[in-house]
Amino acid sequence: LVLFGLGVGWLLHMFARCRVTADEHGLTVVNA
């Protein structure tokens, strides 16, 4: 049960971490 909860939490983290970052050299796209 605890491992299942941690697995679901990890999946939700992977989707919540998405971002697009721009700097002077280019673009970094962090998808799930």
Full PDB file with SEQRES, HELIX, SHEET, SSBOND, CRYST1, ORIGX, SCALE, CONECT and MASTER records, all heavy atoms in Angstrom:
SEQRES   1 A   32  LEU VAL LEU PHE GLY LEU GLY VAL GLY TRP LEU LEU HIS          
SEQRES   2 A   32  MET PHE ALA ARG CYS ARG VAL THR ALA ASP GLU HIS GLY          
SEQRES   3 A   32  LEU THR VAL VAL ASN ALA                                      
HELIX    1 AA1 VAL A    2  ALA A   16  1                                  15    
SHEET    1 AA1 2 ARG A  19  ALA A  22  0                                        
SHEET    2 AA1 2 LEU A  27  VAL A  30 -1                                        
CRYST1    1.000    1.000    1.000  90.00  90.00  90.00 P 1           1          
ORIGX1      1.000000  0.000000  0.000000        0.00000                         
ORIGX2      0.000000  1.000000  0.000000        0.00000                         
ORIGX3      0.000000  0.000000  1.000000        0.00000                         
SCALE1      1.000000  0.000000  0.000000        0.00000                         
SCALE2      0.000000  1.000000  0.000000        0.00000                         
SCALE3      0.000000  0.000000  1.000000        0.00000                         
ATOM      1  N   LEU A   1       0.822  -1.208   0.000  1.00  0.00           N  
ATOM      2  CA  LEU A   1       0.000   0.000   0.000  1.00  0.00           C  
ATOM      3  C   LEU A   1       0.859   1.263   0.000  1.00  0.00           C  
ATOM      4  O   LEU A   1       0.598   2.207  -0.758  1.00  0.00           O  
ATOM      5  CB  LEU A   1      -0.933   0.007   1.213  1.00  0.00           C  
ATOM      6  CG  LEU A   1      -2.148  -0.915   1.146  1.00  0.00           C  
ATOM      7  CD1 LEU A   1      -2.853  -0.949   2.492  1.00  0.00           C  
ATOM      8  CD2 LEU A   1      -3.089  -0.465   0.050  1.00  0.00           C  
ATOM      9  N   VAL A   2       1.885   1.277   0.839  1.00  0.00           N  
ATOM     10  CA  VAL A   2       2.763   2.450   0.906  1.00  0.00           C  
ATOM     11  C   VAL A   2       3.509   2.621  -0.417  1.00  0.00           C  
ATOM     12  O   VAL A   2       3.609   3.731  -0.947  1.00  0.00           O  
ATOM     13  CB  VAL A   2       3.734   2.340   2.096  1.00  0.00           C  
ATOM     14  CG1 VAL A   2       4.765   3.458   2.059  1.00  0.00           C  
ATOM     15  CG2 VAL A   2       2.962   2.377   3.413  1.00  0.00           C  
ATOM     16  N   LEU A   3       4.017   1.528  -0.978  1.00  0.00           N  
ATOM     17  CA  LEU A   3       4.723   1.613  -2.266  1.00  0.00           C  
ATOM     18  C   LEU A   3       3.795   2.070  -3.382  1.00  0.00           C  
ATOM     19  O   LEU A   3       4.191   2.852  -4.252  1.00  0.00           O  
ATOM     20  CB  LEU A   3       5.367   0.273  -2.611  1.00  0.00           C  
ATOM     21  CG  LEU A   3       6.565  -0.133  -1.753  1.00  0.00           C  
ATOM     22  CD1 LEU A   3       7.060  -1.519  -2.150  1.00  0.00           C  
ATOM     23  CD2 LEU A   3       7.681   0.899  -1.850  1.00  0.00           C  
ATOM     24  N   PHE A   4       2.552   1.619  -3.371  1.00  0.00           N  
ATOM     25  CA  PHE A   4       1.585   2.073  -4.360  1.00  0.00           C  
ATOM     26  C   PHE A   4       1.357   3.579  -4.234  1.00  0.00           C  
ATOM     27  O   PHE A   4       1.351   4.310  -5.227  1.00  0.00           O  
ATOM     28  CB  PHE A   4       0.257   1.317  -4.219  1.00  0.00           C  
ATOM     29  CG  PHE A   4      -0.798   1.798  -5.169  1.00  0.00           C  
ATOM     30  CD1 PHE A   4      -0.749   1.443  -6.507  1.00  0.00           C  
ATOM     31  CD2 PHE A   4      -1.828   2.621  -4.726  1.00  0.00           C  
ATOM     32  CE1 PHE A   4      -1.711   1.898  -7.387  1.00  0.00           C  
ATOM     33  CE2 PHE A   4      -2.798   3.076  -5.602  1.00  0.00           C  
ATOM     34  CZ  PHE A   4      -2.745   2.716  -6.940  1.00  0.00           C  
ATOM     35  N   GLY A   5       1.171   4.046  -3.006  1.00  0.00           N  
ATOM     36  CA  GLY A   5       0.991   5.477  -2.775  1.00  0.00           C  
ATOM     37  C   GLY A   5       2.206   6.283  -3.233  1.00  0.00           C  
ATOM     38  O   GLY A   5       2.067   7.329  -3.864  1.00  0.00           O  
ATOM     39  N   LEU A   6       3.411   5.773  -2.947  1.00  0.00           N  
ATOM     40  CA  LEU A   6       4.627   6.448  -3.398  1.00  0.00           C  
ATOM     41  C   LEU A   6       4.725   6.449  -4.921  1.00  0.00           C  
ATOM     42  O   LEU A   6       5.165   7.445  -5.518  1.00  0.00           O  
ATOM     43  CB  LEU A   6       5.861   5.798  -2.775  1.00  0.00           C  
ATOM     44  CG  LEU A   6       6.037   6.013  -1.274  1.00  0.00           C  
ATOM     45  CD1 LEU A   6       7.172   5.151  -0.745  1.00  0.00           C  
ATOM     46  CD2 LEU A   6       6.272   7.482  -0.965  1.00  0.00           C  
ATOM     47  N   GLY A   7       4.311   5.362  -5.555  1.00  0.00           N  
ATOM     48  CA  GLY A   7       4.326   5.297  -7.021  1.00  0.00           C  
ATOM     49  C   GLY A   7       3.379   6.312  -7.650  1.00  0.00           C  
ATOM     50  O   GLY A   7       3.731   7.011  -8.604  1.00  0.00           O  
ATOM     51  N   VAL A   8       2.180   6.411  -7.111  1.00  0.00           N  
ATOM     52  CA  VAL A   8       1.218   7.400  -7.613  1.00  0.00           C  
ATOM     53  C   VAL A   8       1.744   8.812  -7.355  1.00  0.00           C  
ATOM     54  O   VAL A   8       1.649   9.693  -8.217  1.00  0.00           O  
ATOM     55  CB  VAL A   8      -0.175   7.192  -6.973  1.00  0.00           C  
ATOM     56  CG1 VAL A   8      -1.117   8.328  -7.320  1.00  0.00           C  
ATOM     57  CG2 VAL A   8      -0.765   5.865  -7.415  1.00  0.00           C  
ATOM     58  N   GLY A   9       2.330   9.025  -6.191  1.00  0.00           N  
ATOM     59  CA  GLY A   9       2.915  10.332  -5.876  1.00  0.00           C  
ATOM     60  C   GLY A   9       4.039  10.688  -6.836  1.00  0.00           C  
ATOM     61  O   GLY A   9       4.151  11.834  -7.281  1.00  0.00           O  
ATOM     62  N   TRP A  10       4.870   9.702  -7.200  1.00  0.00           N  
ATOM     63  CA  TRP A  10       5.953   9.934  -8.152  1.00  0.00           C  
ATOM     64  C   TRP A  10       5.393  10.310  -9.525  1.00  0.00           C  
ATOM     65  O   TRP A  10       5.886  11.245 -10.165  1.00  0.00           O  
ATOM     66  CB  TRP A  10       6.835   8.691  -8.263  1.00  0.00           C  
ATOM     67  CG  TRP A  10       7.918   8.829  -9.285  1.00  0.00           C  
ATOM     68  CD1 TRP A  10       9.098   9.495  -9.153  1.00  0.00           C  
ATOM     69  CD2 TRP A  10       7.904   8.300 -10.615  1.00  0.00           C  
ATOM     70  NE1 TRP A  10       9.817   9.412 -10.313  1.00  0.00           N  
ATOM     71  CE2 TRP A  10       9.111   8.676 -11.232  1.00  0.00           C  
ATOM     72  CE3 TRP A  10       6.993   7.535 -11.338  1.00  0.00           C  
ATOM     73  CZ2 TRP A  10       9.416   8.315 -12.535  1.00  0.00           C  
ATOM     74  CZ3 TRP A  10       7.305   7.177 -12.631  1.00  0.00           C  
ATOM     75  CH2 TRP A  10       8.502   7.560 -13.222  1.00  0.00           C  
ATOM     76  N   LEU A  11       4.352   9.611  -9.982  1.00  0.00           N  
ATOM     77  CA  LEU A  11       3.741   9.943 -11.272  1.00  0.00           C  
ATOM     78  C   LEU A  11       3.177  11.361 -11.270  1.00  0.00           C  
ATOM     79  O   LEU A  11       3.354  12.115 -12.237  1.00  0.00           O  
ATOM     80  CB  LEU A  11       2.626   8.953 -11.618  1.00  0.00           C  
ATOM     81  CG  LEU A  11       3.067   7.598 -12.149  1.00  0.00           C  
ATOM     82  CD1 LEU A  11       1.866   6.672 -12.282  1.00  0.00           C  
ATOM     83  CD2 LEU A  11       3.776   7.741 -13.479  1.00  0.00           C  
ATOM     84  N   LEU A  12       2.511  11.724 -10.201  1.00  0.00           N  
ATOM     85  CA  LEU A  12       1.968  13.088 -10.103  1.00  0.00           C  
ATOM     86  C   LEU A  12       3.088  14.127 -10.081  1.00  0.00           C  
ATOM     87  O   LEU A  12       2.970  15.190 -10.691  1.00  0.00           O  
ATOM     88  CB  LEU A  12       1.067  13.218  -8.877  1.00  0.00           C  
ATOM     89  CG  LEU A  12      -0.265  12.469  -8.987  1.00  0.00           C  
ATOM     90  CD1 LEU A  12      -0.934  12.380  -7.619  1.00  0.00           C  
ATOM     91  CD2 LEU A  12      -1.177  13.130  -9.996  1.00  0.00           C  
ATOM     92  N   HIS A  13       4.188  13.808  -9.405  1.00  0.00           N  
ATOM     93  CA  HIS A  13       5.347  14.707  -9.411  1.00  0.00           C  
ATOM     94  C   HIS A  13       5.896  14.884 -10.824  1.00  0.00           C  
ATOM     95  O   HIS A  13       6.243  16.000 -11.226  1.00  0.00           O  
ATOM     96  CB  HIS A  13       6.446  14.165  -8.497  1.00  0.00           C  
ATOM     97  CG  HIS A  13       7.793  14.746  -8.796  1.00  0.00           C  
ATOM     98  ND1 HIS A  13       8.116  16.061  -8.512  1.00  0.00           N  
ATOM     99  CD2 HIS A  13       8.886  14.208  -9.401  1.00  0.00           C  
ATOM    100  CE1 HIS A  13       9.362  16.287  -8.917  1.00  0.00           C  
ATOM    101  NE2 HIS A  13       9.842  15.187  -9.455  1.00  0.00           N  
ATOM    102  N   MET A  14       5.956  13.810 -11.588  1.00  0.00           N  
ATOM    103  CA  MET A  14       6.498  13.889 -12.944  1.00  0.00           C  
ATOM    104  C   MET A  14       5.674  14.838 -13.816  1.00  0.00           C  
ATOM    105  O   MET A  14       6.226  15.562 -14.645  1.00  0.00           O  
ATOM    106  CB  MET A  14       6.572  12.499 -13.583  1.00  0.00           C  
ATOM    107  CG  MET A  14       7.544  11.565 -12.879  1.00  0.00           C  
ATOM    108  SD  MET A  14       9.222  12.192 -12.786  1.00  0.00           S  
ATOM    109  CE  MET A  14       9.758  11.923 -14.460  1.00  0.00           C  
ATOM    110  N   PHE A  15       4.367  14.858 -13.633  1.00  0.00           N  
ATOM    111  CA  PHE A  15       3.530  15.777 -14.394  1.00  0.00           C  
ATOM    112  C   PHE A  15       3.592  17.202 -13.833  1.00  0.00           C  
ATOM    113  O   PHE A  15       3.505  18.172 -14.575  1.00  0.00           O  
ATOM    114  CB  PHE A  15       2.089  15.286 -14.460  1.00  0.00           C  
ATOM    115  CG  PHE A  15       1.914  14.169 -15.441  1.00  0.00           C  
ATOM    116  CD1 PHE A  15       1.867  12.854 -15.011  1.00  0.00           C  
ATOM    117  CD2 PHE A  15       1.826  14.430 -16.795  1.00  0.00           C  
ATOM    118  CE1 PHE A  15       1.731  11.814 -15.918  1.00  0.00           C  
ATOM    119  CE2 PHE A  15       1.688  13.406 -17.717  1.00  0.00           C  
ATOM    120  CZ  PHE A  15       1.647  12.086 -17.274  1.00  0.00           C  
ATOM    121  N   ALA A  16       3.747  17.330 -12.529  1.00  0.00           N  
ATOM    122  CA  ALA A  16       3.782  18.654 -11.909  1.00  0.00           C  
ATOM    123  C   ALA A  16       5.114  19.372 -12.138  1.00  0.00           C  
ATOM    124  O   ALA A  16       5.179  20.592 -12.044  1.00  0.00           O  
ATOM    125  CB  ALA A  16       3.512  18.538 -10.407  1.00  0.00           C  
ATOM    126  N   ARG A  17       6.164  18.657 -12.486  1.00  0.00           N  
ATOM    127  CA  ARG A  17       7.484  19.263 -12.665  1.00  0.00           C  
ATOM    128  C   ARG A  17       7.693  19.893 -14.038  1.00  0.00           C  
ATOM    129  O   ARG A  17       8.715  20.519 -14.290  1.00  0.00           O  
ATOM    130  CB  ARG A  17       8.580  18.227 -12.425  1.00  0.00           C  
ATOM    131  CG  ARG A  17       8.730  17.260 -13.581  1.00  0.00           C  
ATOM    132  CD  ARG A  17       9.759  16.195 -13.307  1.00  0.00           C  
ATOM    133  NE  ARG A  17      10.011  15.433 -14.526  1.00  0.00           N  
ATOM    134  CZ  ARG A  17      11.182  15.373 -15.132  1.00  0.00           C  
ATOM    135  NH1 ARG A  17      12.222  15.995 -14.622  1.00  0.00           N  
ATOM    136  NH2 ARG A  17      11.321  14.676 -16.239  1.00  0.00           N  
ATOM    137  N   CYS A  18       6.739  19.757 -14.935  1.00  0.00           N  
ATOM    138  CA  CYS A  18       6.884  20.261 -16.301  1.00  0.00           C  
ATOM    139  C   CYS A  18       7.155  21.764 -16.301  1.00  0.00           C  
ATOM    140  O   CYS A  18       6.568  22.504 -15.531  1.00  0.00           O  
ATOM    141  CB  CYS A  18       5.622  19.962 -17.110  1.00  0.00           C  
ATOM    142  SG  CYS A  18       5.346  18.211 -17.360  1.00  0.00           S  
ATOM    143  N   ARG A  19       8.058  22.173 -17.197  1.00  0.00           N  
ATOM    144  CA  ARG A  19       8.395  23.588 -17.324  1.00  0.00           C  
ATOM    145  C   ARG A  19       9.087  23.826 -18.658  1.00  0.00           C  
ATOM    146  O   ARG A  19       9.572  22.910 -19.298  1.00  0.00           O  
ATOM    147  CB  ARG A  19       9.266  24.050 -16.169  1.00  0.00           C  
ATOM    148  CG  ARG A  19      10.646  23.441 -16.148  1.00  0.00           C  
ATOM    149  CD  ARG A  19      11.415  23.880 -14.896  1.00  0.00           C  
ATOM    150  NE  ARG A  19      12.696  23.214 -14.806  1.00  0.00           N  
ATOM    151  CZ  ARG A  19      12.879  21.995 -14.301  1.00  0.00           C  
ATOM    152  NH1 ARG A  19      11.854  21.318 -13.829  1.00  0.00           N  
ATOM    153  NH2 ARG A  19      14.072  21.456 -14.249  1.00  0.00           N  
ATOM    154  N   VAL A  20       9.123  25.077 -19.037  1.00  0.00           N  
ATOM    155  CA  VAL A  20       9.860  25.531 -20.216  1.00  0.00           C  
ATOM    156  C   VAL A  20      10.776  26.648 -19.732  1.00  0.00           C  
ATOM    157  O   VAL A  20      10.319  27.605 -19.110  1.00  0.00           O  
ATOM    158  CB  VAL A  20       8.909  26.053 -21.320  1.00  0.00           C  
ATOM    159  CG1 VAL A  20       9.698  26.588 -22.501  1.00  0.00           C  
ATOM    160  CG2 VAL A  20       7.945  24.961 -21.765  1.00  0.00           C  
ATOM    161  N   THR A  21      12.071  26.510 -19.999  1.00  0.00           N  
ATOM    162  CA  THR A  21      13.052  27.490 -19.549  1.00  0.00           C  
ATOM    163  C   THR A  21      13.816  28.025 -20.751  1.00  0.00           C  
ATOM    164  O   THR A  21      14.309  27.243 -21.565  1.00  0.00           O  
ATOM    165  CB  THR A  21      14.046  26.861 -18.544  1.00  0.00           C  
ATOM    166  OG1 THR A  21      13.312  26.307 -17.456  1.00  0.00           O  
ATOM    167  CG2 THR A  21      15.030  27.881 -18.026  1.00  0.00           C  
ATOM    168  N   ALA A  22      13.902  29.339 -20.838  1.00  0.00           N  
ATOM    169  CA  ALA A  22      14.647  29.986 -21.918  1.00  0.00           C  
ATOM    170  C   ALA A  22      15.829  30.729 -21.321  1.00  0.00           C  
ATOM    171  O   ALA A  22      15.718  31.368 -20.277  1.00  0.00           O  
ATOM    172  CB  ALA A  22      13.739  30.953 -22.666  1.00  0.00           C  
ATOM    173  N   ASP A  23      16.967  30.624 -21.980  1.00  0.00           N  
ATOM    174  CA  ASP A  23      18.135  31.414 -21.609  1.00  0.00           C  
ATOM    175  C   ASP A  23      18.764  31.951 -22.891  1.00  0.00           C  
ATOM    176  O   ASP A  23      18.203  31.787 -23.975  1.00  0.00           O  
ATOM    177  CB  ASP A  23      19.125  30.599 -20.769  1.00  0.00           C  
ATOM    178  CG  ASP A  23      19.633  29.349 -21.470  1.00  0.00           C  
ATOM    179  OD1 ASP A  23      19.744  29.352 -22.716  1.00  0.00           O  
ATOM    180  OD2 ASP A  23      19.938  28.361 -20.786  1.00  0.00           O  
ATOM    181  N   GLU A  24      19.916  32.584 -22.775  1.00  0.00           N  
ATOM    182  CA  GLU A  24      20.512  33.202 -23.953  1.00  0.00           C  
ATOM    183  C   GLU A  24      20.984  32.184 -24.989  1.00  0.00           C  
ATOM    184  O   GLU A  24      21.159  32.522 -26.163  1.00  0.00           O  
ATOM    185  CB  GLU A  24      21.671  34.138 -23.563  1.00  0.00           C  
ATOM    186  CG  GLU A  24      22.848  33.438 -22.924  1.00  0.00           C  
ATOM    187  CD  GLU A  24      22.721  33.311 -21.409  1.00  0.00           C  
ATOM    188  OE1 GLU A  24      21.723  33.756 -20.832  1.00  0.00           O  
ATOM    189  OE2 GLU A  24      23.648  32.739 -20.811  1.00  0.00           O  
ATOM    190  N   HIS A  25      21.148  30.925 -24.601  1.00  0.00           N  
ATOM    191  CA  HIS A  25      21.644  29.908 -25.520  1.00  0.00           C  
ATOM    192  C   HIS A  25      20.547  29.084 -26.174  1.00  0.00           C  
ATOM    193  O   HIS A  25      20.769  28.477 -27.214  1.00  0.00           O  
ATOM    194  CB  HIS A  25      22.616  28.971 -24.802  1.00  0.00           C  
ATOM    195  CG  HIS A  25      23.776  29.697 -24.206  1.00  0.00           C  
ATOM    196  ND1 HIS A  25      24.744  30.304 -24.962  1.00  0.00           N  
ATOM    197  CD2 HIS A  25      24.110  29.933 -22.920  1.00  0.00           C  
ATOM    198  CE1 HIS A  25      25.630  30.869 -24.175  1.00  0.00           C  
ATOM    199  NE2 HIS A  25      25.269  30.670 -22.919  1.00  0.00           N  
ATOM    200  N   GLY A  26      19.396  28.995 -25.547  1.00  0.00           N  
ATOM    201  CA  GLY A  26      18.338  28.183 -26.132  1.00  0.00           C  
ATOM    202  C   GLY A  26      17.185  27.936 -25.187  1.00  0.00           C  
ATOM    203  O   GLY A  26      16.936  28.702 -24.252  1.00  0.00           O  
ATOM    204  N   LEU A  27      16.527  26.824 -25.438  1.00  0.00           N  
ATOM    205  CA  LEU A  27      15.276  26.488 -24.765  1.00  0.00           C  
ATOM    206  C   LEU A  27      15.394  25.091 -24.165  1.00  0.00           C  
ATOM    207  O   LEU A  27      15.855  24.165 -24.830  1.00  0.00           O  
ATOM    208  CB  LEU A  27      14.163  26.523 -25.816  1.00  0.00           C  
ATOM    209  CG  LEU A  27      12.725  26.659 -25.393  1.00  0.00           C  
ATOM    210  CD1 LEU A  27      12.501  27.945 -24.630  1.00  0.00           C  
ATOM    211  CD2 LEU A  27      11.844  26.627 -26.631  1.00  0.00           C  
ATOM    212  N   THR A  28      14.974  24.949 -22.913  1.00  0.00           N  
ATOM    213  CA  THR A  28      14.912  23.645 -22.264  1.00  0.00           C  
ATOM    214  C   THR A  28      13.449  23.348 -21.984  1.00  0.00           C  
ATOM    215  O   THR A  28      12.757  24.140 -21.353  1.00  0.00           O  
ATOM    216  CB  THR A  28      15.708  23.635 -20.947  1.00  0.00           C  
ATOM    217  OG1 THR A  28      17.061  24.002 -21.226  1.00  0.00           O  
ATOM    218  CG2 THR A  28      15.670  22.257 -20.303  1.00  0.00           C  
ATOM    219  N   VAL A  29      12.982  22.204 -22.475  1.00  0.00           N  
ATOM    220  CA  VAL A  29      11.599  21.781 -22.286  1.00  0.00           C  
ATOM    221  C   VAL A  29      11.613  20.539 -21.408  1.00  0.00           C  
ATOM    222  O   VAL A  29      12.140  19.499 -21.802  1.00  0.00           O  
ATOM    223  CB  VAL A  29      10.917  21.478 -23.635  1.00  0.00           C  
ATOM    224  CG1 VAL A  29       9.485  21.018 -23.414  1.00  0.00           C  
ATOM    225  CG2 VAL A  29      10.957  22.688 -24.548  1.00  0.00           C  
ATOM    226  N   VAL A  30      11.065  20.655 -20.208  1.00  0.00           N  
ATOM    227  CA  VAL A  30      10.962  19.523 -19.291  1.00  0.00           C  
ATOM    228  C   VAL A  30       9.515  19.057 -19.330  1.00  0.00           C  
ATOM    229  O   VAL A  30       8.629  19.725 -18.807  1.00  0.00           O  
ATOM    230  CB  VAL A  30      11.381  19.911 -17.855  1.00  0.00           C  
ATOM    231  CG1 VAL A  30      11.223  18.731 -16.913  1.00  0.00           C  
ATOM    232  CG2 VAL A  30      12.803  20.446 -17.836  1.00  0.00           C  
ATOM    233  N   ASN A  31       9.281  17.935 -19.995  1.00  0.00           N  
ATOM    234  CA  ASN A  31       7.955  17.330 -20.030  1.00  0.00           C  
ATOM    235  C   ASN A  31       7.902  16.248 -18.964  1.00  0.00           C  
ATOM    236  O   ASN A  31       8.853  16.059 -18.208  1.00  0.00           O  
ATOM    237  CB  ASN A  31       7.647  16.794 -21.420  1.00  0.00           C  
ATOM    238  CG  ASN A  31       7.310  17.900 -22.395  1.00  0.00           C  
ATOM    239  OD1 ASN A  31       6.915  18.987 -22.006  1.00  0.00           O  
ATOM    240  ND2 ASN A  31       7.469  17.630 -23.679  1.00  0.00           N  
ATOM    241  N   ALA A  32       6.821  15.518 -18.899  1.00  0.00           N  
ATOM    242  CA  ALA A  32       6.624  14.568 -17.810  1.00  0.00           C  
ATOM    243  C   ALA A  32       7.768  13.555 -17.688  1.00  0.00           C  
ATOM    244  O   ALA A  32       8.255  13.314 -16.588  1.00  0.00           O  
ATOM    245  CB  ALA A  32       5.296  13.853 -17.973  1.00  0.00           C  
TER     246      ALA A  32                                                      
MASTER        0    0    0    1    2    0    0    6  245    1    0    3          
END                                                                             
